[in-house]
Amino acid sequence: MDKLALLLVIIGALNWGLIGLFHFDLIATLFGGADKLISRIVYVLVGLAGIYAIKLFVGDREQEHA
């Protein structure tokens, strides 16, 4: 599960980088515009993965202090 979350976070980060640099939304291009259901699902999955990744970040910090 951790690797899947990390993969989705990386996809989201790359997509935001492309949007910031080139005004190019890769997810919308691959799956249809941002209003398409599949694109919205991908955006939601990336967002959920980001929330899940907080656990990974906090877990690493707790191990450092143990």
C-alpha atoms as a PDB file:
ATOM      1  CA  MET A   1       0.000   0.000   0.000  1.00  0.00           C
ATOM      2  CA  ASP A   2       2.871   2.373   0.813  1.00  0.00           C
ATOM      3  CA  LYS A   3       4.410   1.933  -2.647  1.00  0.00           C
ATOM      4  CA  LEU A   4       1.085   2.522  -4.387  1.00  0.00           C
ATOM      5  CA  ALA A   5       0.556   5.703  -2.373  1.00  0.00           C
ATOM      6  CA  LEU A   6       4.084   6.846  -3.181  1.00  0.00           C
ATOM      7  CA  LEU A   7       3.535   6.158  -6.892  1.00  0.00           C
ATOM      8  CA  LEU A   8       0.327   8.201  -6.905  1.00  0.00           C
ATOM      9  CA  VAL A   9       1.997  11.060  -5.015  1.00  0.00           C
ATOM     10  CA  ILE A  10       4.832  11.060  -7.578  1.00  0.00           C
ATOM     11  CA  ILE A  11       2.317  11.113 -10.440  1.00  0.00           C
ATOM     12  CA  GLY A  12       0.548  14.051  -8.789  1.00  0.00           C
ATOM     13  CA  ALA A  13       3.811  15.904  -8.216  1.00  0.00           C
ATOM     14  CA  LEU A  14       4.907  15.415 -11.815  1.00  0.00           C
ATOM     15  CA  ASN A  15       1.519  16.562 -13.048  1.00  0.00           C
ATOM     16  CA  TRP A  16       1.695  19.728 -10.913  1.00  0.00           C
ATOM     17  CA  GLY A  17       5.222  20.351 -12.162  1.00  0.00           C
ATOM     18  CA  LEU A  18       4.025  20.105 -15.758  1.00  0.00           C
ATOM     19  CA  ILE A  19       1.107  22.416 -15.017  1.00  0.00           C
ATOM     20  CA  GLY A  20       3.398  24.964 -13.375  1.00  0.00           C
ATOM     21  CA  LEU A  21       6.080  24.896 -16.050  1.00  0.00           C
ATOM     22  CA  PHE A  22       4.133  24.346 -19.252  1.00  0.00           C
ATOM     23  CA  HIS A  23       0.421  24.781 -18.415  1.00  0.00           C
ATOM     24  CA  PHE A  24       0.067  21.113 -19.436  1.00  0.00           C
ATOM     25  CA  ASP A  25      -2.221  18.812 -17.416  1.00  0.00           C
ATOM     26  CA  LEU A  26      -1.039  15.269 -18.194  1.00  0.00           C
ATOM     27  CA  ILE A  27      -3.893  13.564 -16.349  1.00  0.00           C
ATOM     28  CA  ALA A  28      -6.529  15.574 -18.209  1.00  0.00           C
ATOM     29  CA  THR A  29      -4.734  14.869 -21.484  1.00  0.00           C
ATOM     30  CA  LEU A  30      -4.556  11.117 -20.870  1.00  0.00           C
ATOM     31  CA  PHE A  31      -8.022  10.597 -19.397  1.00  0.00           C
ATOM     32  CA  GLY A  32     -10.041  13.468 -20.839  1.00  0.00           C
ATOM     33  CA  GLY A  33     -10.633  16.928 -19.471  1.00  0.00           C
ATOM     34  CA  ALA A  34     -10.804  17.656 -15.758  1.00  0.00           C
ATOM     35  CA  ASP A  35     -14.607  17.366 -15.963  1.00  0.00           C
ATOM     36  CA  LYS A  36     -14.435  13.715 -17.114  1.00  0.00           C
ATOM     37  CA  LEU A  37     -15.242  11.119 -14.457  1.00  0.00           C
ATOM     38  CA  ILE A  38     -12.052   9.081 -14.934  1.00  0.00           C
ATOM     39  CA  SER A  39      -9.868  12.188 -14.558  1.00  0.00           C
ATOM     40  CA  ARG A  40     -11.733  13.163 -11.392  1.00  0.00           C
ATOM     41  CA  ILE A  41     -11.214   9.658 -10.010  1.00  0.00           C
ATOM     42  CA  VAL A  42      -7.467   9.892 -10.693  1.00  0.00           C
ATOM     43  CA  TYR A  43      -7.302  13.322  -9.036  1.00  0.00           C
ATOM     44  CA  VAL A  44      -9.151  11.963  -5.977  1.00  0.00           C
ATOM     45  CA  LEU A  45      -6.851   8.923  -5.774  1.00  0.00           C
ATOM     46  CA  VAL A  46      -3.791  11.176  -5.942  1.00  0.00           C
ATOM     47  CA  GLY A  47      -5.248  13.366  -3.194  1.00  0.00           C
ATOM     48  CA  LEU A  48      -6.031  10.362  -0.989  1.00  0.00           C
ATOM     49  CA  ALA A  49      -2.517   9.049  -1.574  1.00  0.00           C
ATOM     50  CA  GLY A  50      -1.153  12.409  -0.422  1.00  0.00           C
ATOM     51  CA  ILE A  51      -3.183  12.176   2.770  1.00  0.00           C
ATOM     52  CA  TYR A  52      -1.995   8.595   3.290  1.00  0.00           C
ATOM     53  CA  ALA A  53       1.610   9.696   2.692  1.00  0.00           C
ATOM     54  CA  ILE A  54       1.371  11.936   5.759  1.00  0.00           C
ATOM     55  CA  LYS A  55       1.401   8.702   7.759  1.00  0.00           C
ATOM     56  CA  LEU A  56       4.662   7.731   6.079  1.00  0.00           C
ATOM     57  CA  PHE A  57       6.193  11.112   6.907  1.00  0.00           C
ATOM     58  CA  VAL A  58       5.055  11.073  10.528  1.00  0.00           C
ATOM     59  CA  GLY A  59       6.049   7.417  10.915  1.00  0.00           C
ATOM     60  CA  ASP A  60       9.618   8.173   9.776  1.00  0.00           C
ATOM     61  CA  ARG A  61       9.877  11.044  12.266  1.00  0.00           C
ATOM     62  CA  GLU A  62       8.619   8.879  15.128  1.00  0.00           C
ATOM     63  CA  GLN A  63      11.257   6.213  14.345  1.00  0.00           C
ATOM     64  CA  GLU A  64      14.028   8.843  14.426  1.00  0.00           C
ATOM     65  CA  HIS A  65      13.071   9.845  17.969  1.00  0.00           C
ATOM     66  CA  ALA A  66      12.777   6.274  19.258  1.00  0.00           C
END
